[in-house]
Amino acid sequence: MIARGLTWLGACAALADLHFREAVRVLRWPGTIVVLAIPALCFAQEPLAFRRGGLDVSWSSIGRITLLVVCLAPLYLSLHRSPRRVVLERRGSVRPECAAIGRGIGVGLSLFAIASCAAIASITWESIRFSAADWSRFSILLGQAALLATILGPASMLLDFLDGPALRTLVWTAAMIVATAGPALPVVVPFDRLLGTGDFARIWDSSIILPLGLATIGTYLTVIASNRRSRRG
């Protein structure tokens, strides 16, 4: 039993590493553009003409832009997915649960890596400009990104069951709009709290952690069940 468990964990870790490296390869140029855009966004708040026009780019604006990129990255990955991943999984006779957990963790880590690079660029630029930096906002942004990546990693696999880039784009965009619309809509996952209009949400709160955790587990179970059904078919 122990040996089987270790083998199962090893397979999940190997797949997580495979998906992380593939996701980083696919996202390297969009991620680089986002990271390089941070100094430009910070500089945009300096000219008086920008401020008069209401274009004051603050830490909260950069944070929301970073989290928006985290939300859109899974769609970009799905639209640029490589058949090499599917071939490797099928060749290795990977169990559906291993494939789901491995890919979910790998994609989630790649999303967190992008957000981390953007946050590091932001805090570095703030330190250069003001000789000081607000590390509390830096840590909160990383926490928000980690919570989003935890559920968006496995959720991105649901796009594999849709045919055509147009349908995937429509479904993912609609899902993100509903998830961030706020309490007016029947939303289970509190994305509106993470991407809200406030400066920064209080993320270490049971009202956020518990729904995100349950939604993540439910997403994994849905993907595993869907994979089992597709293989039988």
Protein backbone atom coordinates (compact mmCIF):
# COMPACT_ATOMS: atom_id res chain seq x y z
CA MET A 1 0.00 0.00 0.00
CA ILE A 2 2.79 2.45 0.92
CA ALA A 3 4.75 1.58 -2.22
CA ARG A 4 1.66 2.09 -4.36
CA GLY A 5 1.00 5.44 -2.71
CA LEU A 6 4.56 6.59 -3.32
CA THR A 7 4.32 5.50 -6.95
CA TRP A 8 1.09 7.44 -7.32
CA LEU A 9 2.61 10.56 -5.76
CA GLY A 10 5.67 10.21 -7.99
CA ALA A 11 3.48 10.04 -11.09
CA CYS A 12 1.57 13.16 -9.99
CA ALA A 13 4.81 15.04 -9.32
CA ALA A 14 6.28 14.03 -12.68
CA LEU A 15 3.16 15.20 -14.51
CA ALA A 16 3.06 18.43 -12.51
CA ASP A 17 6.65 19.13 -13.57
CA LEU A 18 5.80 18.30 -17.21
CA HIS A 19 2.79 20.63 -17.27
CA PHE A 20 4.61 23.38 -15.42
CA ARG A 21 7.46 23.40 -17.93
CA GLU A 22 5.07 23.29 -20.88
CA ALA A 23 2.91 26.08 -19.44
CA VAL A 24 5.97 28.25 -18.79
CA ARG A 25 7.12 27.64 -22.38
CA VAL A 26 3.74 28.68 -23.78
CA LEU A 27 3.32 31.67 -21.45
CA ARG A 28 6.89 32.97 -21.53
CA TRP A 29 6.29 35.74 -24.08
CA PRO A 30 2.91 36.97 -22.76
CA GLY A 31 4.33 36.80 -19.24
CA THR A 32 7.42 38.76 -20.25
CA ILE A 33 5.28 41.47 -21.84
CA VAL A 34 3.22 41.79 -18.65
CA VAL A 35 6.29 42.01 -16.43
CA LEU A 36 7.95 44.61 -18.67
CA ALA A 37 4.74 46.64 -18.77
CA ILE A 38 4.80 47.13 -14.98
CA PRO A 39 7.42 49.95 -15.02
CA ALA A 40 5.48 51.68 -17.82
CA LEU A 41 2.27 51.47 -15.80
CA CYS A 42 4.04 52.84 -12.73
CA PHE A 43 5.48 55.70 -14.75
CA ALA A 44 2.04 56.53 -16.15
CA GLN A 45 0.97 58.05 -12.84
CA GLU A 46 3.82 60.57 -12.86
CA PRO A 47 2.87 63.12 -15.60
CA LEU A 48 0.31 65.70 -14.49
CA ALA A 49 -1.63 65.26 -17.74
CA PHE A 50 -2.16 61.60 -16.90
CA ARG A 51 -3.41 62.43 -13.42
CA ARG A 52 -5.83 65.07 -14.77
CA GLY A 53 -7.15 62.45 -17.16
CA GLY A 54 -7.84 60.08 -14.29
CA LEU A 55 -5.05 57.66 -15.28
CA ASP A 56 -3.53 57.27 -11.85
CA VAL A 57 -1.96 53.81 -11.91
CA SER A 58 -1.63 52.72 -8.30
CA TRP A 59 -0.58 49.51 -6.57
CA SER A 60 -4.18 48.32 -6.50
CA SER A 61 -4.50 48.88 -10.26
CA ILE A 62 -1.35 46.88 -10.94
CA GLY A 63 -2.58 44.17 -8.61
CA ARG A 64 -5.91 43.86 -10.41
CA ILE A 65 -4.20 43.83 -13.81
CA THR A 66 -1.88 41.06 -12.60
CA LEU A 67 -4.80 38.99 -11.32
CA LEU A 68 -6.66 39.59 -14.58
CA VAL A 69 -3.68 38.15 -16.45
CA VAL A 70 -3.78 35.12 -14.12
CA CYS A 71 -7.45 34.65 -15.03
CA LEU A 72 -6.82 34.91 -18.78
CA ALA A 73 -3.66 32.77 -18.90
CA PRO A 74 -5.54 29.40 -18.70
CA LEU A 75 -7.53 30.35 -21.80
CA TYR A 76 -4.32 31.25 -23.63
CA LEU A 77 -2.84 27.90 -22.61
CA SER A 78 -5.88 26.06 -23.90
CA LEU A 79 -5.80 27.89 -27.23
CA HIS A 80 -2.08 27.04 -27.62
CA ARG A 81 -2.11 23.56 -26.12
CA SER A 82 0.39 21.06 -27.39
CA PRO A 83 -0.62 17.54 -28.50
CA ARG A 84 2.67 16.36 -26.98
CA ARG A 85 1.12 16.43 -23.50
CA VAL A 86 -1.76 14.15 -24.46
CA VAL A 87 0.60 11.73 -26.22
CA LEU A 88 2.88 11.48 -23.19
CA GLU A 89 -0.03 10.91 -20.82
CA ARG A 90 -1.57 8.20 -22.98
CA ARG A 91 1.78 6.53 -23.65
CA GLY A 92 2.45 6.30 -19.94
CA SER A 93 -1.02 4.88 -19.22
CA VAL A 94 -1.54 7.55 -16.60
CA ARG A 95 -4.57 7.14 -14.37
CA PRO A 96 -7.20 9.90 -14.74
CA GLU A 97 -6.70 11.15 -11.18
CA CYS A 98 -2.92 11.41 -11.67
CA ALA A 99 -3.39 13.28 -14.94
CA ALA A 100 -5.88 15.69 -13.37
CA ILE A 101 -3.88 16.43 -10.23
CA GLY A 102 -0.58 16.66 -12.09
CA ARG A 103 -1.85 19.07 -14.69
CA GLY A 104 -3.86 21.11 -12.22
CA ILE A 105 -0.83 21.64 -9.99
CA GLY A 106 1.50 22.31 -12.92
CA VAL A 107 -0.76 24.91 -14.52
CA GLY A 108 -1.50 26.48 -11.14
CA LEU A 109 2.21 26.84 -10.41
CA SER A 110 2.80 28.48 -13.79
CA LEU A 111 0.04 31.02 -13.10
CA PHE A 112 1.54 31.79 -9.70
CA ALA A 113 4.97 32.17 -11.32
CA ILE A 114 3.64 34.86 -13.68
CA ALA A 115 1.97 36.73 -10.85
CA SER A 116 5.13 36.47 -8.75
CA CYS A 117 7.27 37.96 -11.50
CA ALA A 118 4.81 40.84 -11.95
CA ALA A 119 4.68 41.43 -8.19
CA ILE A 120 8.49 41.37 -7.93
CA ALA A 121 8.74 43.87 -10.79
CA SER A 122 6.20 46.12 -9.05
CA ILE A 123 7.88 46.02 -5.65
CA THR A 124 11.32 46.54 -7.23
CA TRP A 125 10.16 49.58 -9.17
CA GLU A 126 8.46 51.00 -6.08
CA SER A 127 11.68 50.56 -4.09
CA ILE A 128 13.68 52.38 -6.78
CA ARG A 129 11.26 55.28 -7.01
CA PHE A 130 10.54 55.81 -3.31
CA SER A 131 13.48 54.06 -1.61
CA ALA A 132 10.86 52.01 0.21
CA ALA A 133 8.21 49.47 -0.61
CA ASP A 134 4.93 48.31 0.89
CA TRP A 135 5.66 44.64 1.50
CA SER A 136 2.22 44.00 2.95
CA ARG A 137 0.59 44.70 -0.39
CA PHE A 138 3.21 42.58 -2.08
CA SER A 139 2.37 39.59 0.14
CA ILE A 140 -1.38 40.11 -0.28
CA LEU A 141 -1.04 40.14 -4.07
CA LEU A 142 0.91 36.87 -3.95
CA GLY A 143 -1.74 35.38 -1.68
CA GLN A 144 -4.52 36.45 -4.04
CA ALA A 145 -2.66 34.98 -7.01
CA ALA A 146 -2.08 31.70 -5.17
CA LEU A 147 -5.77 31.37 -4.31
CA LEU A 148 -6.80 32.05 -7.91
CA ALA A 149 -4.18 29.69 -9.34
CA THR A 150 -5.33 26.88 -7.03
CA ILE A 151 -8.73 26.67 -8.68
CA LEU A 152 -7.91 28.00 -12.16
CA GLY A 153 -5.30 25.25 -12.66
CA PRO A 154 -7.78 22.35 -12.64
CA ALA A 155 -10.59 24.51 -14.08
CA SER A 156 -8.51 25.06 -17.23
CA MET A 157 -8.83 21.34 -18.00
CA LEU A 158 -12.56 21.72 -18.48
CA LEU A 159 -11.80 23.67 -21.66
CA ASP A 160 -10.37 20.49 -23.19
CA PHE A 161 -13.90 19.13 -23.47
CA LEU A 162 -14.95 22.02 -25.73
CA ASP A 163 -14.36 22.04 -29.47
CA GLY A 164 -13.02 25.11 -31.20
CA PRO A 165 -11.18 28.19 -29.95
CA ALA A 166 -14.25 30.41 -30.30
CA LEU A 167 -16.34 28.25 -27.98
CA ARG A 168 -13.53 27.97 -25.43
CA THR A 169 -13.05 31.74 -25.45
CA LEU A 170 -16.76 32.40 -25.07
CA VAL A 171 -17.23 29.92 -22.23
CA TRP A 172 -14.13 31.01 -20.27
CA THR A 173 -14.92 34.72 -20.69
CA ALA A 174 -18.51 34.19 -19.57
CA ALA A 175 -17.36 32.14 -16.57
CA MET A 176 -14.89 34.86 -15.50
CA ILE A 177 -17.53 37.59 -15.87
CA VAL A 178 -20.03 35.66 -13.74
CA ALA A 179 -17.38 34.77 -11.14
CA THR A 180 -16.30 38.39 -10.73
CA ALA A 181 -19.73 40.01 -10.99
CA GLY A 182 -20.23 40.25 -7.25
CA PRO A 183 -22.93 39.17 -4.81
CA ALA A 184 -25.75 40.20 -7.14
CA LEU A 185 -25.32 36.91 -9.00
CA PRO A 186 -25.43 33.40 -7.51
CA VAL A 187 -21.67 32.93 -7.39
CA VAL A 188 -20.17 30.09 -5.35
CA VAL A 189 -16.53 31.13 -5.67
CA PRO A 190 -15.79 34.61 -4.24
CA PHE A 191 -13.75 35.89 -7.18
CA ASP A 192 -15.39 39.26 -6.70
CA ARG A 193 -13.61 39.52 -3.34
CA LEU A 194 -10.23 38.80 -4.91
CA LEU A 195 -10.74 41.05 -7.93
CA GLY A 196 -12.96 43.60 -6.23
CA THR A 197 -12.94 47.34 -6.57
CA GLY A 198 -11.51 47.82 -3.09
CA ASP A 199 -7.84 48.48 -2.52
CA PHE A 200 -7.06 44.90 -1.47
CA ALA A 201 -9.38 42.25 -0.13
CA ARG A 202 -8.81 40.50 3.17
CA ILE A 203 -7.83 37.16 1.73
CA TRP A 204 -7.12 35.12 4.86
CA ASP A 205 -10.77 34.85 5.68
CA SER A 206 -12.88 31.71 6.01
CA SER A 207 -15.49 33.28 3.73
CA ILE A 208 -12.91 33.10 0.92
CA ILE A 209 -10.69 30.15 1.84
CA LEU A 210 -13.49 27.64 2.44
CA PRO A 211 -15.45 28.28 -0.81
CA LEU A 212 -12.25 28.27 -2.87
CA GLY A 213 -11.11 25.02 -1.28
CA LEU A 214 -14.45 23.30 -1.85
CA ALA A 215 -14.64 24.60 -5.42
CA THR A 216 -11.11 23.36 -6.13
CA ILE A 217 -11.89 19.87 -4.84
CA GLY A 218 -15.14 19.83 -6.80
CA THR A 219 -13.33 20.88 -9.97
CA TYR A 220 -10.77 18.10 -9.60
CA LEU A 221 -13.51 15.52 -9.05
CA THR A 222 -15.42 16.80 -12.09
CA VAL A 223 -12.34 16.59 -14.32
CA ILE A 224 -11.44 13.09 -13.07
CA ALA A 225 -14.98 11.84 -13.69
CA SER A 226 -15.03 13.43 -17.15
CA ASN A 227 -11.67 11.86 -18.03
CA ARG A 228 -12.89 8.43 -16.95
CA ARG A 229 -16.03 8.78 -19.02
CA SER A 230 -14.16 9.96 -22.14
CA ARG A 231 -11.72 7.05 -21.91
CA ARG A 232 -14.56 4.56 -21.65
CA GLY A 233 -16.20 6.15 -24.66
